């Protein structure tokens, strides 16, 4: 039976209506005599953590590979990104709730329940601080509920190393005391030991690679907490922690997991995200949606309805998919000017399960629906998470009921392989028990460590399309793991964080273009040999073509070279270079800087 974990006790939620204590506003008081007395009350109080903190719209994050109209300010950069007057992610309400629960655990006499819900709370506190460190870098660490007169509210920003050490303490406690998958009857909709391991692998990989590529080091420094001194850690330490946590999931310590597969590589990847219920083998933590309870998300509405931005993948992303035999598409003669009907042939099967490809039939329909240039800003129309029209009431807003992933096994595999590759300790055995299982599900050949490093992909290493700052003996396999990560995890809200931790913000400066067209003419967009799109120019009569999109170049669509080239929907948009000094971190809001003089702004923000 489908469930959604939302607290029904209004009195428990009253204190959350205000802004957090860190924002220096009054708080409602909880009555200790009424709450926190038993496991049910601890559970009810913690239910809001799931609802408030987990991302319910991972499918619409714009980046250098996935865009819409209008472009996100993160893609446009420059003057589109400003210092907010308030908010801007500098909100702490959820942390106050977490610390409130932790501070009142002593009222419950059931020590088993106390250990479990302390673990739940510390999982979400580590989760909360991961989001803050990713966004702002150094942030104040708070581990107790505070009132408005507490002088600690005016603390400055703690070092990210100090915060990371506290996060490790929290997540290690969660790993020890959370139930395994088999012991948690509501898995994968409640946090488990494996979810804590997945979170640890995720934030340690982020921190390790961020420090490596940004040349950030805390070695030689000492940090004190509650009278205990610890030395600062190296980037290698965090990568080792990431690899170890991921491997514990892979080896099955926290419960048996495996990739979803029916043995059909032409279908399984897409089907994983269409299933009404999260696959309990692959999904480690998921968000539940339910028609009967009227709990929905809006993937269909966002991806289908033209009023929602006409989302599309960039040509750069499409080029990164390998051929079905494992060779590189960008090694083929003429790949730069290949037409859609040709570039889609014999590719990694996940490509046609991610975008509307050749002979595409929408879920629940029997007729072929070709790619349509007026329904995607690049022509490459996304279909991941998109259910049938019937299932969502003809693509109504907030009508999807397919569950969404928070952590799934494929990401753990990729985190493990990347951490080991960045450490220089990756082996072929490591690849075979991680990345190559993902490829096997997709019907793709194995990745081979020696071959990848002997012949790094010049496309992925280029400044025009890829990551030019990847060097060293493992350059080839790191690039291949990034390729696999970008493809496998697309639309799951990883990409923008990835390019920031890799110090590849310049990827946002790369072309946001789409399909290639050599000029006016008729084009097959479904692979059946028949024209679906007809392009013409203003100096020729508008053609009559039944059943086709008939579009005028320079009016209905724009191409990079005038009457030829790549679809260039954003030709009139001013897009500014990624600011290497400023844009890897977000700005603190001005109201908090005014209230608390101990807070300092991030570099480059005015």
Protein backbone atom coordinates (compact mmCIF):
# COMPACT_ATOMS: atom_id res chain seq x y z
CA UNK A 1 0.00 0.00 0.00
CA UNK A 2 1.33 3.45 -0.88
CA UNK A 3 2.15 5.83 1.96
CA UNK A 4 3.44 9.38 2.30
CA UNK A 5 5.17 10.37 5.47
CA UNK A 6 3.57 13.61 6.56
CA UNK A 7 2.84 14.35 10.22
CA UNK A 8 -0.83 14.73 11.05
CA UNK A 9 -0.28 16.32 14.46
CA UNK A 10 -0.82 20.02 13.90
CA UNK A 11 0.47 20.98 17.33
CA UNK A 12 3.85 19.45 16.47
CA UNK A 13 4.12 21.64 13.42
CA UNK A 14 3.12 24.99 14.90
CA UNK A 15 6.65 25.98 15.85
CA UNK A 16 7.88 25.46 12.29
CA UNK A 17 5.76 28.26 10.87
CA UNK A 18 8.29 30.83 12.00
CA UNK A 19 11.72 31.36 10.51
CA UNK A 20 14.58 29.62 12.24
CA UNK A 21 16.30 30.85 15.38
CA UNK A 22 19.35 31.51 13.28
CA UNK A 23 17.27 34.08 11.43
CA UNK A 24 16.70 35.74 14.83
CA UNK A 25 12.91 35.57 15.03
CA UNK A 26 10.79 34.29 17.97
CA UNK A 27 9.83 30.62 18.24
CA UNK A 28 6.80 28.86 19.63
CA UNK A 29 7.49 26.63 22.61
CA UNK A 30 6.88 22.89 22.76
CA UNK A 31 5.38 21.32 25.85
CA UNK A 32 7.78 18.66 27.10
CA UNK A 33 4.95 17.00 29.00
CA UNK A 34 3.01 16.30 25.79
CA UNK A 35 5.57 15.03 23.32
CA UNK A 36 8.63 12.83 22.86
CA UNK A 37 7.34 10.19 25.27
CA UNK A 38 7.26 7.13 23.00
CA UNK A 39 8.36 5.79 19.62
CA UNK A 40 5.15 6.86 17.86
CA UNK A 41 5.65 10.48 18.91
CA UNK A 42 9.31 10.43 17.87
CA UNK A 43 8.31 9.02 14.50
CA UNK A 44 5.53 11.54 13.96
CA UNK A 45 7.83 14.41 14.79
CA UNK A 46 10.53 13.16 12.40
CA UNK A 47 8.09 12.56 9.52
CA UNK A 48 8.30 16.20 8.45
CA UNK A 49 12.01 15.81 7.72
CA UNK A 50 11.19 13.63 4.71
CA UNK A 51 8.49 15.92 3.40
CA UNK A 52 10.41 19.17 3.88
CA UNK A 53 13.96 18.24 2.93
CA UNK A 54 13.91 15.71 0.07
CA UNK A 55 13.80 17.06 -3.49
CA UNK A 56 10.42 16.47 -5.13
CA UNK A 57 11.37 17.95 -8.53
CA UNK A 58 14.78 16.53 -9.52
CA UNK A 59 13.69 16.23 -13.14
CA UNK A 60 13.68 19.97 -14.01
CA UNK A 61 17.14 21.17 -12.91
CA UNK A 62 18.74 23.18 -15.71
CA UNK A 63 22.45 22.93 -16.43
CA UNK A 64 24.90 22.94 -19.31
CA UNK A 65 23.24 19.80 -20.74
CA UNK A 66 19.53 20.37 -19.98
CA UNK A 67 17.80 23.66 -20.69
CA UNK A 68 14.41 25.31 -21.06
CA UNK A 69 12.85 28.66 -21.83
CA UNK A 70 13.51 30.79 -19.89
CA UNK A 71 17.03 29.80 -19.04
CA UNK A 72 17.87 29.42 -15.38
CA UNK A 73 19.95 32.18 -13.82
CA UNK A 74 22.55 29.50 -13.06
CA UNK A 75 22.96 28.95 -16.80
CA UNK A 76 22.80 32.60 -17.83
CA UNK A 77 25.21 33.70 -15.05
CA UNK A 78 26.47 37.30 -15.00
CA UNK A 79 23.96 39.93 -13.91
CA UNK A 80 21.20 37.30 -13.72
CA UNK A 81 22.75 36.12 -10.45
CA UNK A 82 22.45 38.64 -7.63
CA UNK A 83 22.79 38.75 -3.86
CA UNK A 84 19.32 38.13 -2.38
CA UNK A 85 17.91 40.45 0.23
CA UNK A 86 16.73 37.45 2.26
CA UNK A 87 16.39 33.69 1.91
CA UNK A 88 18.54 32.43 -0.94
CA UNK A 89 18.97 29.07 0.78
CA UNK A 90 20.19 30.62 4.04
CA UNK A 91 17.26 29.11 5.96
CA UNK A 92 17.56 26.99 9.07
CA UNK A 93 14.04 25.98 10.09
CA UNK A 94 14.62 22.30 9.35
CA UNK A 95 17.80 22.29 11.43
CA UNK A 96 15.93 23.73 14.39
CA UNK A 97 13.34 20.95 14.15
CA UNK A 98 16.08 18.32 13.97
CA UNK A 99 17.86 19.74 17.00
CA UNK A 100 14.58 20.07 18.89
CA UNK A 101 13.99 16.35 18.49
CA UNK A 102 17.55 15.50 19.47
CA UNK A 103 17.37 17.71 22.57
CA UNK A 104 14.15 16.08 23.76
CA UNK A 105 15.07 12.43 23.17
CA UNK A 106 15.82 12.01 26.87
CA UNK A 107 12.08 12.18 27.61
CA UNK A 108 11.47 8.83 25.92
CA UNK A 109 12.15 5.80 28.16
CA UNK A 110 12.36 3.42 25.18
CA UNK A 111 16.12 3.40 24.55
CA UNK A 112 15.84 1.34 21.37
CA UNK A 113 13.48 3.96 19.93
CA UNK A 114 15.78 6.73 21.15
CA UNK A 115 18.75 5.19 19.34
CA UNK A 116 16.74 4.75 16.13
CA UNK A 117 15.27 8.25 16.01
CA UNK A 118 18.48 9.84 17.14
CA UNK A 119 19.97 8.08 14.10
CA UNK A 120 17.15 9.37 11.87
CA UNK A 121 17.67 12.90 13.17
CA UNK A 122 21.43 12.79 12.77
CA UNK A 123 21.02 11.41 9.24
CA UNK A 124 18.92 14.42 8.33
CA UNK A 125 21.26 16.83 10.11
CA UNK A 126 24.13 15.50 7.99
CA UNK A 127 21.84 15.80 4.95
CA UNK A 128 20.92 19.37 5.91
CA UNK A 129 24.53 20.45 6.36
CA UNK A 130 25.61 18.79 3.12
CA UNK A 131 23.19 21.06 1.28
CA UNK A 132 24.53 24.09 3.14
CA UNK A 133 28.22 23.26 2.57
CA UNK A 134 27.59 22.63 -1.14
CA UNK A 135 25.86 25.96 -1.43
CA UNK A 136 27.85 28.29 0.83
CA UNK A 137 31.09 26.55 1.83
CA UNK A 138 31.76 27.63 5.44
CA UNK A 139 28.59 27.77 7.57
CA UNK A 140 27.83 28.02 11.30
CA UNK A 141 27.48 24.67 13.04
CA UNK A 142 24.54 24.37 15.45
CA UNK A 143 23.74 21.14 17.27
CA UNK A 144 21.22 22.30 19.88
CA UNK A 145 17.88 24.08 19.81
CA UNK A 146 18.38 27.76 20.60
CA UNK A 147 16.22 30.64 21.72
CA UNK A 148 16.30 34.15 20.30
CA UNK A 149 18.54 35.49 23.06
CA UNK A 150 21.27 32.89 22.59
CA UNK A 151 24.58 34.66 21.79
CA UNK A 152 25.59 31.72 19.60
CA UNK A 153 23.13 33.01 17.03
CA UNK A 154 25.71 35.67 16.22
CA UNK A 155 28.50 33.19 15.59
CA UNK A 156 30.51 33.52 12.43
CA UNK A 157 30.91 30.82 9.82
CA UNK A 158 32.67 27.63 10.93
CA UNK A 159 35.27 26.12 8.62
CA UNK A 160 33.85 23.56 6.18
CA UNK A 161 36.36 21.08 7.60
CA UNK A 162 34.91 21.56 11.09
CA UNK A 163 31.40 21.08 9.71
CA UNK A 164 32.44 18.02 7.69
CA UNK A 165 33.90 16.42 10.81
CA UNK A 166 30.59 16.91 12.61
CA UNK A 167 28.72 15.51 9.60
CA UNK A 168 30.89 12.40 9.69
CA UNK A 169 30.11 11.93 13.38
CA UNK A 170 26.39 12.25 12.65
CA UNK A 171 26.35 9.90 9.68
CA UNK A 172 28.50 7.26 11.38
CA UNK A 173 26.02 7.23 14.27
CA UNK A 174 23.18 6.88 11.76
CA UNK A 175 24.94 4.00 10.01
CA UNK A 176 25.35 2.18 13.34
CA UNK A 177 21.81 2.57 14.66
CA UNK A 178 19.51 2.78 11.64
CA UNK A 179 17.76 -0.48 10.71
CA UNK A 180 18.81 -2.48 7.69
CA UNK A 181 16.61 -2.70 4.64
CA UNK A 182 15.21 -6.05 5.77
CA UNK A 183 14.42 -4.75 9.25
CA UNK A 184 12.62 -1.61 8.05
CA UNK A 185 9.17 -2.58 6.80
CA UNK A 186 8.67 0.79 5.12
CA UNK A 187 11.90 0.67 3.08
CA UNK A 188 12.67 2.34 0.71
CA UNK A 189 10.49 5.20 1.97
CA UNK A 190 12.27 5.60 5.31
CA UNK A 191 15.96 6.01 5.93
CA UNK A 192 17.94 2.84 6.54
CA UNK A 193 21.53 1.87 7.15
CA UNK A 194 22.08 1.73 3.39
CA UNK A 195 20.60 5.21 2.92
CA UNK A 196 23.06 6.56 5.49
CA UNK A 197 25.93 4.82 3.71
CA UNK A 198 24.72 6.27 0.39
CA UNK A 199 24.57 9.78 1.86
CA UNK A 200 28.05 9.38 3.35
CA UNK A 201 29.46 8.20 0.02
CA UNK A 202 27.76 11.13 -1.71
CA UNK A 203 28.96 13.94 0.54
CA UNK A 204 32.46 12.50 0.97
CA UNK A 205 32.85 12.18 -2.81
CA UNK A 206 31.67 15.76 -3.22
CA UNK A 207 34.09 17.02 -0.59
CA UNK A 208 37.04 14.97 -1.77
CA UNK A 209 36.75 16.01 -5.40
CA UNK A 210 35.90 19.62 -4.52
CA UNK A 211 39.09 19.89 -2.48
CA UNK A 212 41.18 18.10 -5.10
CA UNK A 213 40.14 20.23 -8.05
CA UNK A 214 39.87 23.50 -6.11
CA UNK A 215 43.22 22.90 -4.41
CA UNK A 216 41.64 23.29 -0.98
CA UNK A 217 43.50 21.85 2.01
CA UNK A 218 43.02 21.83 5.79
CA UNK A 219 45.96 19.56 6.54
CA UNK A 220 48.10 20.91 9.35
CA UNK A 221 45.14 22.68 10.98
CA UNK A 222 43.51 21.59 14.24
CA UNK A 223 39.79 21.73 15.03
CA UNK A 224 38.29 21.43 18.52
CA UNK A 225 34.79 20.34 19.42
CA UNK A 226 33.54 19.66 22.96
CA UNK A 227 37.12 19.54 24.22
CA UNK A 228 38.28 17.04 21.60
CA UNK A 229 40.88 18.13 19.07
CA UNK A 230 41.08 16.68 15.57
CA UNK A 231 43.45 17.37 12.73
CA UNK A 232 42.20 18.59 9.36
CA UNK A 233 41.69 15.93 6.71
CA UNK A 234 43.07 15.65 3.19
CA UNK A 235 40.97 15.26 0.06
CA UNK A 236 42.23 11.68 -0.11
CA UNK A 237 40.67 10.99 3.31
CA UNK A 238 37.23 11.96 2.04
CA UNK A 239 37.59 9.93 -1.15
CA UNK A 240 38.59 6.90 0.92
CA UNK A 241 35.54 7.42 3.14
CA UNK A 242 33.33 7.68 0.04
CA UNK A 243 34.72 4.50 -1.50
CA UNK A 244 34.40 2.57 1.77
CA UNK A 245 30.80 3.63 2.40
CA UNK A 246 29.77 2.83 -1.18
CA UNK A 247 31.50 -0.54 -1.07
CA UNK A 248 29.62 -1.48 2.08
CA UNK A 249 26.37 -1.05 0.16
CA UNK A 250 27.75 -2.91 -2.85
CA UNK A 251 28.91 -5.82 -0.73
CA UNK A 252 25.50 -6.07 0.89
CA UNK A 253 26.30 -5.24 4.52
CA UNK A 254 23.23 -3.03 4.81
CA UNK A 255 20.84 -5.27 2.92
CA UNK A 256 20.70 -6.90 -0.49
CA UNK A 257 20.46 -4.49 -3.42
CA UNK A 258 20.68 -5.05 -7.15
CA UNK A 259 19.90 -3.11 -10.29
CA UNK A 260 16.40 -3.29 -11.70
CA UNK A 261 16.42 -5.47 -14.79
CA UNK A 262 14.02 -7.68 -16.71
CA UNK A 263 16.72 -8.60 -19.20
CA UNK A 264 15.48 -6.08 -21.77
CA UNK A 265 18.17 -3.40 -22.30
CA UNK A 266 15.94 -1.58 -24.80
CA UNK A 267 13.39 -0.90 -22.09
CA UNK A 268 14.68 -1.43 -18.54
CA UNK A 269 16.35 1.94 -17.94
CA UNK A 270 13.25 3.91 -18.88
CA UNK A 271 10.90 1.53 -17.12
CA UNK A 272 12.74 1.95 -13.81
CA UNK A 273 11.52 5.56 -13.66
CA UNK A 274 8.01 4.79 -14.88
CA UNK A 275 7.21 2.15 -12.29
CA UNK A 276 4.37 3.22 -10.04
CA UNK A 277 6.19 1.81 -7.02
CA UNK A 278 9.89 2.30 -6.40
CA UNK A 279 11.90 -0.81 -7.17
CA UNK A 280 12.90 -2.09 -3.75
CA UNK A 281 16.06 -3.69 -5.10
CA UNK A 282 17.58 -0.59 -6.71
CA UNK A 283 15.96 2.30 -4.83
CA UNK A 284 17.66 2.79 -1.46
CA UNK A 285 15.54 5.81 -0.54
CA UNK A 286 12.59 7.07 -2.55
CA UNK A 287 9.71 9.54 -2.42
CA UNK A 288 6.27 7.98 -2.53
CA UNK A 289 3.43 9.39 -4.64
CA UNK A 290 -0.11 8.07 -4.59
CA UNK A 291 -3.23 8.71 -6.66
CA UNK A 292 -5.60 7.67 -3.88
CA UNK A 293 -4.06 10.14 -1.44
CA UNK A 294 -3.75 12.80 -4.15
CA UNK A 295 -0.01 13.14 -3.67
CA UNK A 296 1.59 13.92 -7.03
CA UNK A 297 4.58 15.41 -8.78
CA UNK A 298 4.66 17.26 -12.10
CA UNK A 299 7.18 15.51 -14.37
CA UNK A 300 4.70 15.03 -17.23
CA UNK A 301 3.40 18.57 -17.01
CA UNK A 302 6.91 20.05 -16.97
CA UNK A 303 8.26 17.91 -19.81
CA UNK A 304 5.19 17.86 -22.09
CA UNK A 305 3.20 21.08 -21.80
CA UNK A 306 4.61 23.87 -24.03
CA UNK A 307 3.83 26.50 -21.39
CA UNK A 308 6.43 24.90 -19.10
CA UNK A 309 9.54 25.80 -21.10
CA UNK A 310 9.91 23.13 -23.80
CA UNK A 311 12.80 21.36 -22.06
CA UNK A 312 15.55 19.87 -24.17
CA UNK A 313 18.99 18.28 -23.99
CA UNK A 314 21.93 19.97 -25.65
CA UNK A 315 23.78 18.50 -28.62
CA UNK A 316 26.87 18.21 -26.41
CA UNK A 317 25.04 15.76 -24.16
CA UNK A 318 23.71 13.70 -27.07
CA UNK A 319 27.22 13.46 -28.52
CA UNK A 320 28.51 11.94 -25.29
CA UNK A 321 26.52 8.72 -25.70
CA UNK A 322 28.63 5.88 -27.05
CA UNK A 323 27.75 3.67 -29.96
CA UNK A 324 26.05 0.40 -29.06
CA UNK A 325 29.32 -1.46 -29.62
CA UNK A 326 31.12 0.77 -27.10
CA UNK A 327 33.00 2.91 -29.62
CA UNK A 328 32.76 6.69 -29.50
CA UNK A 329 30.19 8.52 -31.56
CA UNK A 330 32.57 11.47 -31.77
CA UNK A 331 35.19 9.26 -33.43
CA UNK A 332 32.86 8.69 -36.39
CA UNK A 333 33.55 10.60 -39.58
CA UNK A 334 31.14 13.52 -39.92
CA UNK A 335 29.67 13.34 -36.42
CA UNK A 336 29.54 17.14 -36.20
CA UNK A 337 27.01 17.45 -39.03
CA UNK A 338 25.09 14.21 -38.68
CA UNK A 339 21.32 14.46 -39.01
CA UNK A 340 19.02 13.28 -36.25
CA UNK A 341 17.86 10.13 -38.09
CA UNK A 342 21.49 9.08 -38.49
CA UNK A 343 22.91 10.11 -35.12
CA UNK A 344 20.28 8.09 -33.27
CA UNK A 345 21.15 4.79 -34.95
CA UNK A 346 23.11 2.10 -33.10
CA UNK A 347 23.67 4.14 -29.96
CA UNK A 348 23.72 3.28 -26.26
CA UNK A 349 20.11 2.11 -25.71
CA UNK A 350 19.68 4.60 -22.86
CA UNK A 351 19.68 7.44 -25.38
CA UNK A 352 16.34 6.44 -26.88
CA UNK A 353 15.04 5.84 -23.35
CA UNK A 354 15.98 9.38 -22.31
CA UNK A 355 14.83 11.42 -25.32
CA UNK A 356 12.19 10.99 -27.99
CA UNK A 357 14.14 8.95 -30.53
CA UNK A 358 13.48 7.02 -33.73
CA UNK A 359 10.14 5.19 -33.92
CA UNK A 360 9.28 6.62 -30.52
CA UNK A 361 5.95 5.50 -29.12
CA UNK A 362 4.85 7.23 -25.99
CA UNK A 363 4.02 5.09 -22.98
CA UNK A 364 0.56 3.61 -23.47
CA UNK A 365 0.30 4.54 -27.17
CA UNK A 366 0.74 2.58 -30.41
CA UNK A 367 1.45 5.37 -32.90
CA UNK A 368 4.90 6.78 -33.59
CA UNK A 369 5.47 10.33 -32.30
CA UNK A 370 8.45 11.99 -33.98
CA UNK A 371 10.66 14.64 -32.43
CA UNK A 372 9.01 18.07 -32.76
CA UNK A 373 11.14 21.19 -33.02
CA UNK A 374 8.53 23.52 -31.58
CA UNK A 375 8.15 21.39 -28.45
CA UNK A 376 11.78 21.40 -27.35
CA UNK A 377 14.29 24.26 -27.35
CA UNK A 378 16.94 21.88 -28.75
CA UNK A 379 14.81 19.29 -30.54
CA UNK A 380 15.94 16.57 -28.11
CA UNK A 381 12.74 16.06 -26.12
CA UNK A 382 13.13 14.38 -22.68
CA UNK A 383 11.01 11.35 -21.81
CA UNK A 384 12.55 10.22 -18.51
CA UNK A 385 9.86 10.04 -15.77
CA UNK A 386 7.14 10.78 -18.39
CA UNK A 387 4.09 8.53 -17.96
CA UNK A 388 1.26 7.98 -20.41
CA UNK A 389 -1.15 10.81 -21.00
CA UNK A 390 -3.95 8.66 -19.63
CA UNK A 391 -2.09 8.01 -16.37
CA UNK A 392 -1.67 11.72 -15.73
CA UNK A 393 -5.05 13.00 -16.87
CA UNK A 394 -3.69 14.22 -20.23
CA UNK A 395 -0.54 15.66 -18.66
CA UNK A 396 -2.27 17.73 -16.02
CA UNK A 397 -0.20 19.65 -13.52
CA UNK A 398 0.89 17.66 -10.45
CA UNK A 399 -0.62 14.38 -11.58
CA UNK A 400 2.33 11.98 -11.75
CA UNK A 401 2.33 9.11 -9.28
CA UNK A 402 5.53 7.30 -10.26
CA UNK A 403 7.88 7.30 -7.28
CA UNK A 404 11.05 9.41 -7.44
CA UNK A 405 14.55 8.32 -6.40
CA UNK A 406 16.58 9.96 -3.65
CA UNK A 407 19.35 7.36 -3.55
CA UNK A 408 19.61 4.40 -5.85
CA UNK A 409 22.19 1.68 -6.33
CA UNK A 410 23.44 2.93 -9.70
CA UNK A 411 24.56 6.19 -8.10
CA UNK A 412 26.36 4.26 -5.34
CA UNK A 413 28.19 2.25 -8.03
CA UNK A 414 29.27 5.45 -9.77
CA UNK A 415 30.34 7.12 -6.53
CA UNK A 416 32.46 4.10 -5.65
CA UNK A 417 34.18 3.96 -9.04
CA UNK A 418 34.82 7.70 -9.20
CA UNK A 419 36.27 7.87 -5.68
CA UNK A 420 38.64 5.01 -6.43
CA UNK A 421 39.62 6.49 -9.80
CA UNK A 422 40.38 9.88 -8.25
CA UNK A 423 42.46 8.16 -5.57
CA UNK A 424 44.37 6.19 -8.18
CA UNK A 425 43.38 2.87 -6.60
CA UNK A 426 40.71 1.75 -9.09
CA UNK A 427 41.07 -1.79 -10.43
CA UNK A 428 39.32 -3.71 -13.18
CA UNK A 429 37.59 -5.73 -10.45
CA UNK A 430 36.22 -2.48 -9.03
CA UNK A 431 34.81 -1.53 -12.42
CA UNK A 432 33.30 -4.97 -12.90
CA UNK A 433 31.32 -4.77 -9.66
CA UNK A 434 30.11 -1.22 -10.25
CA UNK A 435 30.08 0.64 -13.55
CA UNK A 436 30.04 -2.47 -15.69
CA UNK A 437 26.88 -3.71 -13.98
CA UNK A 438 25.19 -0.46 -15.02
CA UNK A 439 26.44 -0.96 -18.56
CA UNK A 440 25.26 -4.57 -18.55
CA UNK A 441 21.74 -3.47 -17.65
CA UNK A 442 21.87 -1.11 -20.64
CA UNK A 443 23.22 -3.81 -22.96
CA UNK A 444 26.54 -1.99 -23.34
CA UNK A 445 30.06 -3.48 -23.46
CA UNK A 446 32.28 -3.33 -20.40
CA UNK A 447 34.54 -0.42 -19.53
CA UNK A 448 38.18 -1.50 -19.41
CA UNK A 449 40.58 0.40 -17.19
CA UNK A 450 43.73 -0.10 -19.23
CA UNK A 451 42.03 0.70 -22.54
CA UNK A 452 40.39 3.86 -21.20
CA UNK A 453 43.67 5.19 -19.82
CA UNK A 454 45.63 4.25 -22.91
CA UNK A 455 43.32 6.28 -25.14
CA UNK A 456 41.53 9.14 -23.30
CA UNK A 457 38.57 10.59 -25.18
CA UNK A 458 39.66 13.86 -26.77
CA UNK A 459 36.01 14.98 -26.96
CA UNK A 460 35.51 14.69 -23.20
CA UNK A 461 38.93 16.21 -22.54
CA UNK A 462 38.34 19.25 -24.74
CA UNK A 463 37.57 22.77 -23.57
CA UNK A 464 34.82 22.98 -26.18
CA UNK A 465 32.82 19.98 -24.96
CA UNK A 466 34.29 18.49 -21.80
CA UNK A 467 36.63 18.67 -18.84
CA UNK A 468 40.12 19.91 -19.77
CA UNK A 469 41.38 19.98 -16.17
CA UNK A 470 41.39 16.17 -15.84
CA UNK A 471 44.99 14.98 -16.16
CA UNK A 472 47.28 12.19 -14.98
CA UNK A 473 47.51 8.45 -15.44
CA UNK A 474 43.81 7.93 -14.72
CA UNK A 475 42.59 10.68 -17.05
CA UNK A 476 40.93 8.26 -19.45
CA UNK A 477 38.94 6.27 -16.91
CA UNK A 478 37.91 9.38 -14.94
CA UNK A 479 36.49 10.85 -18.14
CA UNK A 480 34.65 7.61 -18.89
CA UNK A 481 33.16 7.47 -15.41
CA UNK A 482 32.00 11.07 -15.82
CA UNK A 483 30.42 10.11 -19.13
CA UNK A 484 28.62 7.22 -17.47
CA UNK A 485 27.52 9.37 -14.53
CA UNK A 486 26.17 12.14 -16.76
CA UNK A 487 24.15 9.69 -18.83
CA UNK A 488 22.88 7.38 -16.09
CA UNK A 489 21.95 10.08 -13.55
CA UNK A 490 20.58 12.74 -15.88
CA UNK A 491 17.55 14.65 -14.54
CA UNK A 492 18.24 13.39 -11.02
CA UNK A 493 19.61 16.75 -9.79
CA UNK A 494 23.34 15.98 -9.86
CA UNK A 495 24.75 17.79 -12.87
CA UNK A 496 25.19 21.35 -11.60
CA UNK A 497 26.74 20.15 -8.34
CA UNK A 498 29.04 17.85 -10.32
CA UNK A 499 30.48 20.56 -12.54
CA UNK A 500 31.04 22.75 -9.47
CA UNK A 501 32.89 20.07 -7.52
CA UNK A 502 34.97 19.18 -10.61
CA UNK A 503 35.83 22.89 -11.00
CA UNK A 504 34.38 22.72 -14.50
CA UNK A 505 32.13 25.77 -14.32
CA UNK A 506 33.38 26.65 -17.79
CA UNK A 507 31.11 23.83 -19.02
CA UNK A 508 28.31 26.39 -18.61
CA UNK A 509 30.06 28.48 -21.28
CA UNK A 510 29.82 25.66 -23.82
CA UNK A 511 27.20 25.84 -26.56
CA UNK A 512 23.54 25.39 -25.60
CA UNK A 513 22.59 24.25 -29.08
CA UNK A 514 20.51 21.39 -30.45
CA UNK A 515 19.99 19.32 -33.61
CA UNK A 516 21.93 19.97 -36.81
CA UNK A 517 20.29 20.96 -40.12
CA UNK A 518 22.33 21.68 -43.26
CA UNK A 519 19.70 24.07 -44.63
CA UNK A 520 16.18 24.24 -46.04
CA UNK A 521 14.61 20.91 -46.94
CA UNK A 522 12.64 17.94 -45.68
CA UNK A 523 13.85 15.86 -42.73
CA UNK A 524 13.00 12.47 -41.31
CA UNK A 525 12.64 12.70 -37.51
CA UNK A 526 11.21 9.23 -36.82
CA UNK A 527 13.46 6.94 -38.86
CA UNK A 528 10.76 5.68 -41.20
CA UNK A 529 12.16 7.40 -44.28
CA UNK A 530 9.32 9.94 -44.39
CA UNK A 531 9.58 13.67 -43.81
CA UNK A 532 8.31 14.98 -40.49
CA UNK A 533 9.90 18.44 -40.61
CA UNK A 534 10.16 20.85 -43.53
CA UNK A 535 12.39 23.95 -43.26
CA UNK A 536 12.27 26.90 -45.62
CA UNK A 537 13.53 30.47 -45.80
CA UNK A 538 11.76 33.79 -46.27
CA UNK A 539 12.92 34.11 -49.91
CA UNK A 540 11.06 30.98 -51.02
CA UNK A 541 7.37 30.09 -50.97
CA UNK A 542 6.07 28.32 -47.88
CA UNK A 543 5.81 24.65 -48.84
CA UNK A 544 2.67 22.62 -48.37
CA UNK A 545 3.48 19.46 -46.45
CA UNK A 546 0.70 17.49 -44.84
CA UNK A 547 1.47 16.00 -41.43
CA UNK A 548 4.77 17.87 -41.11
CA UNK A 549 6.09 20.70 -39.00
CA UNK A 550 6.64 23.44 -41.58
CA UNK A 551 9.02 26.01 -40.14
CA UNK A 552 10.65 29.16 -41.44
CA UNK A 553 14.36 29.48 -40.69
CA UNK A 554 15.08 32.77 -38.97
CA UNK A 555 11.51 33.09 -37.72
CA UNK A 556 10.15 29.83 -36.33
CA UNK A 557 13.59 28.42 -35.62
CA UNK A 558 17.14 29.79 -35.66
CA UNK A 559 20.32 28.03 -36.74
CA UNK A 560 23.88 28.87 -35.70
CA UNK A 561 25.08 29.71 -39.22
CA UNK A 562 22.02 31.55 -40.45
CA UNK A 563 20.36 29.14 -42.88
CA UNK A 564 22.31 26.12 -41.61
CA UNK A 565 23.82 24.79 -38.42
CA UNK A 566 22.61 23.74 -34.98
CA UNK A 567 19.29 24.74 -33.50
CA UNK A 568 20.03 27.95 -31.65
CA UNK A 569 16.95 28.83 -29.66
CA UNK A 570 18.87 31.18 -27.36
CA UNK A 571 20.47 33.17 -30.19
CA UNK A 572 19.18 36.47 -28.78
CA UNK A 573 19.87 35.62 -25.13
CA UNK A 574 22.82 37.26 -23.39
CA UNK A 575 24.67 34.44 -21.66
CA UNK A 576 27.58 35.44 -19.47
CA UNK A 577 30.73 33.43 -18.71
CA UNK A 578 30.80 31.39 -15.54
CA UNK A 579 32.61 33.51 -12.96
CA UNK A 580 35.46 31.35 -11.65
CA UNK A 581 35.97 33.58 -8.61
CA UNK A 582 32.31 33.86 -7.66
CA UNK A 583 30.05 31.15 -9.02
CA UNK A 584 31.27 28.00 -7.29
CA UNK A 585 29.56 29.25 -4.13
CA UNK A 586 26.27 31.07 -3.60
CA UNK A 587 25.90 34.47 -1.88
CA UNK A 588 24.68 35.01 1.66
CA UNK A 589 21.57 37.25 1.85
CA UNK A 590 22.13 40.88 2.80
CA UNK A 591 19.67 40.85 5.71
CA UNK A 592 21.72 38.21 7.54
CA UNK A 593 24.95 40.11 6.89
CA UNK A 594 23.32 43.19 8.40
CA UNK A 595 21.91 41.38 11.44
CA UNK A 596 25.09 39.43 12.17
CA UNK A 597 28.35 41.34 11.56
CA UNK A 598 30.33 38.14 12.20
CA UNK A 599 29.08 36.67 8.91
CA UNK A 600 31.21 37.46 5.85
CA UNK A 601 30.12 37.35 2.22
CA UNK A 602 31.48 34.77 -0.21
CA UNK A 603 34.18 35.93 -2.65
CA UNK A 604 33.11 37.91 -5.69
CA UNK A 605 29.57 38.70 -4.55
CA UNK A 606 28.56 42.33 -4.14
